[in-house]
Amino acid sequence: MRESSTIQAFIEEGRRKGLEEGEARAARRIILRLGRKRLGAVDETVEAKLNEIVDHERLEALTERVDQVSSWDELLAQN
């Protein structure tokens, strides 16, 4: 049986969201790894703030800023 266009659209949307979530997780891991080297240990508040960020472009910007800030709070401050 052929899937309807509505079902196909739901499947495609699920794939897209899955890819976006995977990219966000990977970016967070990079930020945490680089940040720990430069900024020190991560507390629960910082980790929670980082996990709230779902915009991949913002996460990418944070990876570029890790070496330009002196604290986790400075890194996560809204620009």
Foldseek 3Di string as FASTA:
>chain_A
DDDDPVVVVVVVVVVVVVVLQVLLVVLLVLLQVLLCVQANDDDPVLVVLSVVDSDNVLSVVLSVCSVVDHHSCVSSDDD
